[in-house]
């Protein structure tokens, strides 16, 4: 009798589970249908710098030189996990500097060909152009060791991110000396994502910390721990915590969205999506108006997401409408979809629902064009 009584309950539970599975599969197919196929990968892979008007039309006047610093670290501590510098954080800044008349030299603590992290989902035309640029690749494959760099030759210094920077930037004596001299002489300093790890242990000539009472940002604790739950065990510190411990006034932006802070000649960016803005802000600090650049689909999507975070769904929807219908530009639906999934993973149901609605609206008006 006991088994007989349980059977209807089990049957009911199995039916509910089956319906949920069917619903999730149907939702998955519907969700994917909102995101268009990407560009022809074979063509994208062959992108050359000469194919990009922004690069070839805007680098005739030479203003000076910028030194880009990359990590030489290829593993995250004792974890065995691969790391290196983030390609997109170098390639995009490199071309902004170049297009605005600055020659870029590349260095790393050990010199030679530093390890690189390439995230296929983030790669776009500027990144492939960089990989296919013989001059850029010659510089990458033969980076000069930091100890051999004549820092006086440069107008500014830029620290690209990549988790490897957490291990070989903070205690590097050459980095500390260059940054102390640059800061005290009023030269421009830029660092993005994990690049600000270069700043945490720098002391000025008066003994104070470089970042003390300075507005700074970097990859945040929440961003780090969401992607790497054991980050506290892998890294010597969490970057947000260490910048704060060194006296920095940490300006935390929305997760995985553009956020750049400026304090005098010190410019920091929160994550890879801050690279474009940070690089162009460095150009402004060097005394020049950045040449006009058509912002990317990814940047447009970031602006939509920032509008959602600060002004809500309705304003974000209005912005999408203006961008697609009036400005006739494209919003990266792939990025909207990624942020929808992140919200789901965080169990933020309202945000996930709003972003999926925003993705659906963007898809609908884009398809009607």
Protein backbone atom coordinates (compact mmCIF):
# COMPACT_ATOMS: atom_id res chain seq x y z
CA UNK A 1 0.00 0.00 0.00
CA UNK A 2 2.87 2.36 0.83
CA UNK A 3 4.39 2.07 -2.64
CA UNK A 4 0.99 2.55 -4.23
CA UNK A 5 0.45 5.81 -2.36
CA UNK A 6 3.87 7.15 -3.36
CA UNK A 7 3.54 6.30 -7.02
CA UNK A 8 1.21 9.21 -7.98
CA UNK A 9 3.58 11.62 -6.21
CA UNK A 10 6.60 10.28 -8.07
CA UNK A 11 4.71 10.40 -11.33
CA UNK A 12 3.70 14.00 -10.65
CA UNK A 13 7.31 14.98 -9.79
CA UNK A 14 8.65 13.32 -12.93
CA UNK A 15 6.07 15.14 -15.02
CA UNK A 16 7.04 18.50 -13.51
CA UNK A 17 10.75 17.80 -14.03
CA UNK A 18 10.11 16.77 -17.63
CA UNK A 19 8.14 19.95 -18.29
CA UNK A 20 10.94 22.05 -16.76
CA UNK A 21 13.51 20.35 -18.96
CA UNK A 22 11.39 20.95 -22.06
CA UNK A 23 10.88 24.58 -21.03
CA UNK A 24 14.61 25.14 -20.46
CA UNK A 25 15.49 23.60 -23.82
CA UNK A 26 12.87 25.71 -25.59
CA UNK A 27 14.04 28.83 -23.75
CA UNK A 28 17.63 28.08 -24.72
CA UNK A 29 16.78 27.84 -28.41
CA UNK A 30 14.68 31.02 -28.22
CA UNK A 31 17.43 32.89 -26.37
CA UNK A 32 20.07 31.85 -28.92
CA UNK A 33 17.78 32.98 -31.74
CA UNK A 34 17.98 36.54 -30.38
CA UNK A 35 21.74 36.66 -30.97
CA UNK A 36 22.84 36.94 -34.60
CA UNK A 37 25.64 34.89 -36.08
CA UNK A 38 28.97 36.63 -35.75
CA UNK A 39 31.05 37.94 -38.65
CA UNK A 40 32.72 35.55 -41.04
CA UNK A 41 35.50 34.23 -38.84
CA UNK A 42 37.82 33.39 -41.72
CA UNK A 43 37.63 36.97 -42.99
CA UNK A 44 37.94 38.44 -39.49
CA UNK A 45 41.04 36.37 -38.83
CA UNK A 46 42.74 37.98 -41.83
CA UNK A 47 42.07 41.59 -40.78
CA UNK A 48 45.04 43.87 -41.41
CA UNK A 49 45.81 47.26 -39.90
CA UNK A 50 45.55 48.74 -43.40
CA UNK A 51 41.91 47.60 -43.51
CA UNK A 52 40.99 49.92 -40.64
CA UNK A 53 40.59 53.60 -41.61
CA UNK A 54 41.02 54.74 -38.01
CA UNK A 55 44.58 53.43 -38.05
CA UNK A 56 45.80 54.34 -41.51
CA UNK A 57 44.26 57.83 -41.70
CA UNK A 58 45.33 59.23 -38.36
CA UNK A 59 48.98 58.53 -37.64
CA UNK A 60 50.88 60.99 -39.81
CA UNK A 61 51.87 63.52 -37.11
CA UNK A 62 54.27 62.16 -34.51
CA UNK A 63 53.94 63.52 -30.98
CA UNK A 64 56.16 61.23 -28.94
CA UNK A 65 56.46 57.75 -27.46
CA UNK A 66 54.51 55.63 -24.98
CA UNK A 67 55.90 52.63 -23.13
CA UNK A 68 53.53 49.65 -22.76
CA UNK A 69 54.34 47.16 -20.00
CA UNK A 70 53.24 43.50 -20.09
CA UNK A 71 53.49 40.73 -17.54
CA UNK A 72 56.07 37.96 -18.03
CA UNK A 73 54.20 35.59 -15.70
CA UNK A 74 52.72 32.53 -17.41
CA UNK A 75 51.08 30.74 -14.47
CA UNK A 76 48.95 31.96 -11.56
CA UNK A 77 51.20 31.29 -8.60
CA UNK A 78 51.22 27.61 -7.65
CA UNK A 79 47.79 26.91 -9.13
CA UNK A 80 49.13 25.66 -12.45
CA UNK A 81 46.56 27.81 -14.26
CA UNK A 82 47.82 29.55 -17.38
CA UNK A 83 47.93 33.31 -17.54
CA UNK A 84 49.70 36.19 -19.27
CA UNK A 85 48.79 39.64 -20.55
CA UNK A 86 45.33 40.23 -22.02
CA UNK A 87 45.64 40.74 -25.76
CA UNK A 88 42.66 43.10 -26.08
CA UNK A 89 44.04 45.35 -23.35
CA UNK A 90 47.21 45.81 -25.38
CA UNK A 91 45.94 45.77 -28.97
CA UNK A 92 43.23 48.40 -28.55
CA UNK A 93 45.37 50.80 -26.52
CA UNK A 94 48.26 50.25 -28.95
CA UNK A 95 46.22 51.44 -31.92
CA UNK A 96 44.69 54.37 -30.02
CA UNK A 97 48.19 55.56 -29.15
CA UNK A 98 49.43 54.98 -32.69
CA UNK A 99 46.46 56.66 -34.37
CA UNK A 100 47.03 59.70 -32.17
CA UNK A 101 50.66 60.07 -33.18
CA UNK A 102 52.51 58.15 -30.48
CA UNK A 103 55.00 55.41 -31.20
CA UNK A 104 54.56 52.46 -28.84
CA UNK A 105 57.41 50.39 -27.46
CA UNK A 106 56.67 47.25 -25.47
CA UNK A 107 58.54 45.93 -22.46
CA UNK A 108 58.13 43.19 -19.85
CA UNK A 109 59.96 42.26 -16.65
CA UNK A 110 61.87 39.38 -18.27
CA UNK A 111 61.90 40.59 -21.87
CA UNK A 112 61.44 38.31 -24.87
CA UNK A 113 58.03 37.04 -25.96
CA UNK A 114 55.65 37.31 -23.00
CA UNK A 115 52.74 34.89 -22.48
CA UNK A 116 49.39 36.04 -23.81
CA UNK A 117 45.75 35.32 -22.99
CA UNK A 118 43.43 35.37 -26.00
CA UNK A 119 39.70 35.15 -25.29
CA UNK A 120 38.04 34.20 -28.57
CA UNK A 121 34.68 35.64 -27.45
CA UNK A 122 36.19 39.11 -27.00
CA UNK A 123 38.25 39.24 -30.19
CA UNK A 124 37.31 41.83 -32.80
CA UNK A 125 38.87 43.47 -35.84
CA UNK A 126 41.46 45.59 -33.99
CA UNK A 127 42.67 42.53 -32.11
CA UNK A 128 43.11 40.41 -35.23
CA UNK A 129 44.75 43.35 -36.99
CA UNK A 130 47.25 43.46 -34.14
CA UNK A 131 48.00 39.74 -34.49
CA UNK A 132 48.56 40.25 -38.22
CA UNK A 133 50.63 43.43 -37.83
CA UNK A 134 54.29 42.51 -38.50
CA UNK A 135 55.64 45.58 -36.71
CA UNK A 136 53.49 45.02 -33.64
CA UNK A 137 54.37 41.32 -33.56
CA UNK A 138 58.08 42.05 -33.89
CA UNK A 139 57.78 44.28 -30.83
CA UNK A 140 55.86 41.60 -28.93
CA UNK A 141 58.29 38.82 -29.76
CA UNK A 142 61.27 40.92 -28.71
CA UNK A 143 60.17 42.95 -25.71
CA UNK A 144 63.06 44.64 -23.97
CA UNK A 145 63.58 43.67 -20.31
CA UNK A 146 62.39 46.44 -18.01
CA UNK A 147 65.84 46.76 -16.46
CA UNK A 148 67.25 47.77 -19.87
CA UNK A 149 64.60 50.37 -20.74
CA UNK A 150 65.53 54.05 -20.85
CA UNK A 151 62.31 55.39 -19.34
CA UNK A 152 63.32 59.00 -20.01
CA UNK A 153 62.56 58.46 -23.71
CA UNK A 154 58.81 58.17 -23.12
CA UNK A 155 56.00 60.62 -22.50
CA UNK A 156 53.72 58.13 -20.77
CA UNK A 157 53.59 54.57 -19.49
CA UNK A 158 50.73 52.09 -19.86
CA UNK A 159 50.31 48.86 -17.88
CA UNK A 160 48.13 46.29 -19.65
CA UNK A 161 46.30 43.80 -17.51
CA UNK A 162 46.22 40.05 -17.35
CA UNK A 163 46.23 38.06 -14.12
CA UNK A 164 49.97 37.47 -14.42
CA UNK A 165 50.48 41.13 -13.48
CA UNK A 166 49.39 40.24 -9.94
CA UNK A 167 52.62 38.27 -9.51
CA UNK A 168 55.40 40.18 -11.27
CA UNK A 169 54.27 43.83 -11.14
CA UNK A 170 53.82 44.66 -7.41
CA UNK A 171 57.38 44.07 -6.18
CA UNK A 172 59.32 44.85 -9.35
CA UNK A 173 61.99 47.41 -8.43
CA UNK A 174 62.25 48.73 -12.00
CA UNK A 175 58.51 49.38 -12.15
CA UNK A 176 58.61 51.14 -8.80
CA UNK A 177 61.50 53.39 -9.84
CA UNK A 178 59.90 54.31 -13.18
CA UNK A 179 56.54 55.06 -11.58
CA UNK A 180 58.08 57.16 -8.82
CA UNK A 181 60.03 59.22 -11.36
CA UNK A 182 57.09 59.53 -13.74
CA UNK A 183 54.66 60.61 -11.05
CA UNK A 184 57.03 63.15 -9.54
CA UNK A 185 57.89 64.61 -12.94
CA UNK A 186 54.24 64.88 -14.03
CA UNK A 187 54.29 62.21 -16.72
CA UNK A 188 51.11 60.34 -17.60
CA UNK A 189 50.54 56.91 -16.02
CA UNK A 190 47.82 54.54 -17.23
CA UNK A 191 46.88 51.05 -16.02
CA UNK A 192 43.88 48.85 -16.79
CA UNK A 193 42.22 45.83 -15.15
CA UNK A 194 45.05 43.98 -13.31
CA UNK A 195 47.60 46.50 -14.59
CA UNK A 196 47.14 48.69 -11.46
CA UNK A 197 48.95 45.92 -9.55
CA UNK A 198 52.02 47.92 -10.63
CA UNK A 199 50.90 50.75 -8.34
CA UNK A 200 50.29 49.02 -5.03
CA UNK A 201 53.81 49.11 -3.53
CA UNK A 202 55.22 52.28 -5.10
CA UNK A 203 56.56 54.82 -2.64
CA UNK A 204 57.37 58.40 -3.55
CA UNK A 205 60.55 60.20 -2.52
CA UNK A 206 58.87 61.51 0.64
CA UNK A 207 58.01 57.96 1.72
CA UNK A 208 54.29 58.20 0.98
CA UNK A 209 52.48 55.64 -1.17
CA UNK A 210 51.86 56.76 -4.74
CA UNK A 211 48.16 55.86 -4.56
CA UNK A 212 47.60 57.38 -1.11
CA UNK A 213 44.50 59.58 -1.25
CA UNK A 214 44.33 59.08 -5.04
CA UNK A 215 41.19 57.97 -6.86
CA UNK A 216 41.88 54.60 -8.45
CA UNK A 217 40.08 51.57 -9.84
CA UNK A 218 40.97 48.10 -11.05
CA UNK A 219 39.37 44.69 -11.51
CA UNK A 220 37.10 44.55 -8.47
CA UNK A 221 36.81 41.90 -5.77
CA UNK A 222 33.35 40.95 -7.00
CA UNK A 223 34.50 40.62 -10.61
CA UNK A 224 37.49 38.53 -9.54
CA UNK A 225 35.63 36.17 -7.23
CA UNK A 226 32.74 35.63 -9.64
CA UNK A 227 35.16 34.33 -12.30
CA UNK A 228 37.66 32.70 -9.94
CA UNK A 229 36.10 31.54 -6.68
CA UNK A 230 39.48 30.59 -5.18
CA UNK A 231 41.14 33.90 -6.11
CA UNK A 232 42.02 34.61 -2.47
CA UNK A 233 44.10 31.44 -2.37
CA UNK A 234 45.69 31.88 -5.82
CA UNK A 235 46.70 35.55 -5.73
CA UNK A 236 48.96 37.22 -3.18
CA UNK A 237 46.06 39.64 -2.58
CA UNK A 238 42.86 40.89 -4.17
CA UNK A 239 43.74 44.00 -6.13
CA UNK A 240 40.89 46.17 -4.86
CA UNK A 241 41.83 45.34 -1.28
CA UNK A 242 45.52 46.09 -1.80
CA UNK A 243 44.94 49.41 -3.55
CA UNK A 244 42.71 50.40 -0.65
CA UNK A 245 45.28 49.19 1.90
CA UNK A 246 47.88 51.38 0.18
CA UNK A 247 45.67 54.40 0.75
CA UNK A 248 43.86 54.54 -2.57
CA UNK A 249 40.31 55.87 -2.83
CA UNK A 250 38.81 52.96 -4.74
CA UNK A 251 36.05 53.91 -7.18
CA UNK A 252 34.07 50.74 -7.88
CA UNK A 253 31.97 50.74 -11.03
CA UNK A 254 29.33 48.30 -12.22
CA UNK A 255 30.63 44.81 -12.86
CA UNK A 256 32.18 44.15 -16.29
CA UNK A 257 31.30 47.63 -17.54
CA UNK A 258 33.43 50.62 -18.50
CA UNK A 259 34.82 52.56 -15.54
CA UNK A 260 37.83 54.89 -15.70
CA UNK A 261 39.13 57.09 -12.89
CA UNK A 262 41.38 60.11 -13.30
CA UNK A 263 43.42 61.68 -10.52
CA UNK A 264 45.87 64.19 -11.95
CA UNK A 265 48.11 62.31 -14.36
CA UNK A 266 47.15 58.91 -12.92
CA UNK A 267 44.51 57.11 -14.99
CA UNK A 268 43.14 53.68 -14.10
CA UNK A 269 40.55 51.43 -15.72
CA UNK A 270 38.44 48.75 -14.05
CA UNK A 271 38.43 45.98 -16.63
CA UNK A 272 39.02 45.16 -20.33
CA UNK A 273 35.89 47.11 -21.32
CA UNK A 274 37.58 50.26 -20.00
CA UNK A 275 40.55 50.05 -22.37
CA UNK A 276 39.30 52.34 -25.14
CA UNK A 277 38.27 55.11 -22.76
CA UNK A 278 41.44 54.84 -20.70
CA UNK A 279 43.71 55.04 -23.74
CA UNK A 280 41.88 58.07 -25.13
CA UNK A 281 41.95 59.73 -21.71
CA UNK A 282 45.72 59.28 -21.69
CA UNK A 283 45.87 61.09 -25.04
CA UNK A 284 43.89 63.97 -23.54
CA UNK A 285 46.22 64.10 -20.55
CA UNK A 286 49.16 64.28 -22.96
CA UNK A 287 47.64 67.47 -24.31
CA UNK A 288 45.88 66.31 -27.48
CA UNK A 289 42.30 65.87 -28.60
CA UNK A 290 41.85 62.18 -29.48
CA UNK A 291 41.16 61.67 -33.16
CA UNK A 292 37.60 60.69 -33.97
CA UNK A 293 36.94 56.98 -33.73
CA UNK A 294 33.76 55.11 -34.57
CA UNK A 295 32.88 53.27 -31.40
CA UNK A 296 32.45 49.52 -31.62
CA UNK A 297 29.28 47.44 -31.24
CA UNK A 298 30.69 46.24 -27.93
CA UNK A 299 31.15 49.79 -26.64
CA UNK A 300 27.61 50.68 -27.69
CA UNK A 301 26.26 47.69 -25.75
CA UNK A 302 28.34 48.71 -22.73
CA UNK A 303 26.78 52.19 -22.90
CA UNK A 304 23.30 50.63 -23.02
CA UNK A 305 24.10 48.45 -20.00
CA UNK A 306 25.51 51.43 -18.09
CA UNK A 307 22.31 53.33 -18.85
CA UNK A 308 20.30 50.40 -17.50
CA UNK A 309 22.38 50.34 -14.30
CA UNK A 310 22.11 54.08 -13.68
CA UNK A 311 18.73 55.04 -15.16
CA UNK A 312 16.74 51.83 -15.46
CA UNK A 313 15.14 49.70 -18.14
CA UNK A 314 13.02 52.38 -19.81
CA UNK A 315 15.95 54.71 -20.46
CA UNK A 316 18.08 51.83 -21.72
CA UNK A 317 15.31 50.84 -24.12
CA UNK A 318 15.03 54.44 -25.36
CA UNK A 319 18.78 54.49 -25.97
CA UNK A 320 18.61 51.26 -27.98
CA UNK A 321 15.80 52.74 -30.04
CA UNK A 322 17.83 55.88 -30.75
CA UNK A 323 20.99 53.94 -31.62
CA UNK A 324 19.36 51.44 -33.95
CA UNK A 325 16.62 53.53 -35.58
CA UNK A 326 18.00 57.07 -35.60
CA UNK A 327 21.77 56.62 -35.57
CA UNK A 328 21.56 53.40 -37.61
CA UNK A 329 24.24 51.72 -35.55
CA UNK A 330 24.46 48.20 -34.18
CA UNK A 331 24.32 47.08 -30.57
CA UNK A 332 26.26 43.95 -29.64
CA UNK A 333 23.46 41.54 -28.79
CA UNK A 334 26.08 39.00 -27.84
CA UNK A 335 27.25 41.23 -24.99
CA UNK A 336 23.67 41.91 -23.86
CA UNK A 337 23.14 38.15 -23.82
CA UNK A 338 26.29 37.55 -21.77
CA UNK A 339 25.19 40.06 -19.14
CA UNK A 340 21.75 38.43 -19.05
CA UNK A 341 23.39 35.09 -18.30
CA UNK A 342 25.61 36.65 -15.62
CA UNK A 343 22.49 38.05 -13.93
CA UNK A 344 20.86 34.59 -14.05
CA UNK A 345 23.98 32.99 -12.53
CA UNK A 346 23.85 35.55 -9.73
CA UNK A 347 20.14 34.77 -9.18
CA UNK A 348 19.28 38.41 -9.84
CA UNK A 349 15.91 37.58 -11.37
CA UNK A 350 14.70 41.14 -11.95
CA UNK A 351 17.89 42.17 -13.72
CA UNK A 352 18.01 39.00 -15.80
CA UNK A 353 14.37 39.51 -16.84
CA UNK A 354 15.03 43.16 -17.74
CA UNK A 355 18.14 42.36 -19.76
CA UNK A 356 16.43 39.55 -21.64
CA UNK A 357 13.59 41.94 -22.48
CA UNK A 358 16.15 44.49 -23.62
CA UNK A 359 17.88 41.86 -25.75
CA UNK A 360 14.53 40.84 -27.28
CA UNK A 361 13.65 44.47 -28.06
CA UNK A 362 17.08 45.09 -29.60
CA UNK A 363 16.71 41.96 -31.71
CA UNK A 364 13.21 42.91 -32.89
CA UNK A 365 14.07 46.43 -34.07
CA UNK A 366 17.38 45.32 -35.58
CA UNK A 367 15.64 42.64 -37.65
CA UNK A 368 13.06 45.18 -38.89
CA UNK A 369 15.69 47.52 -40.31
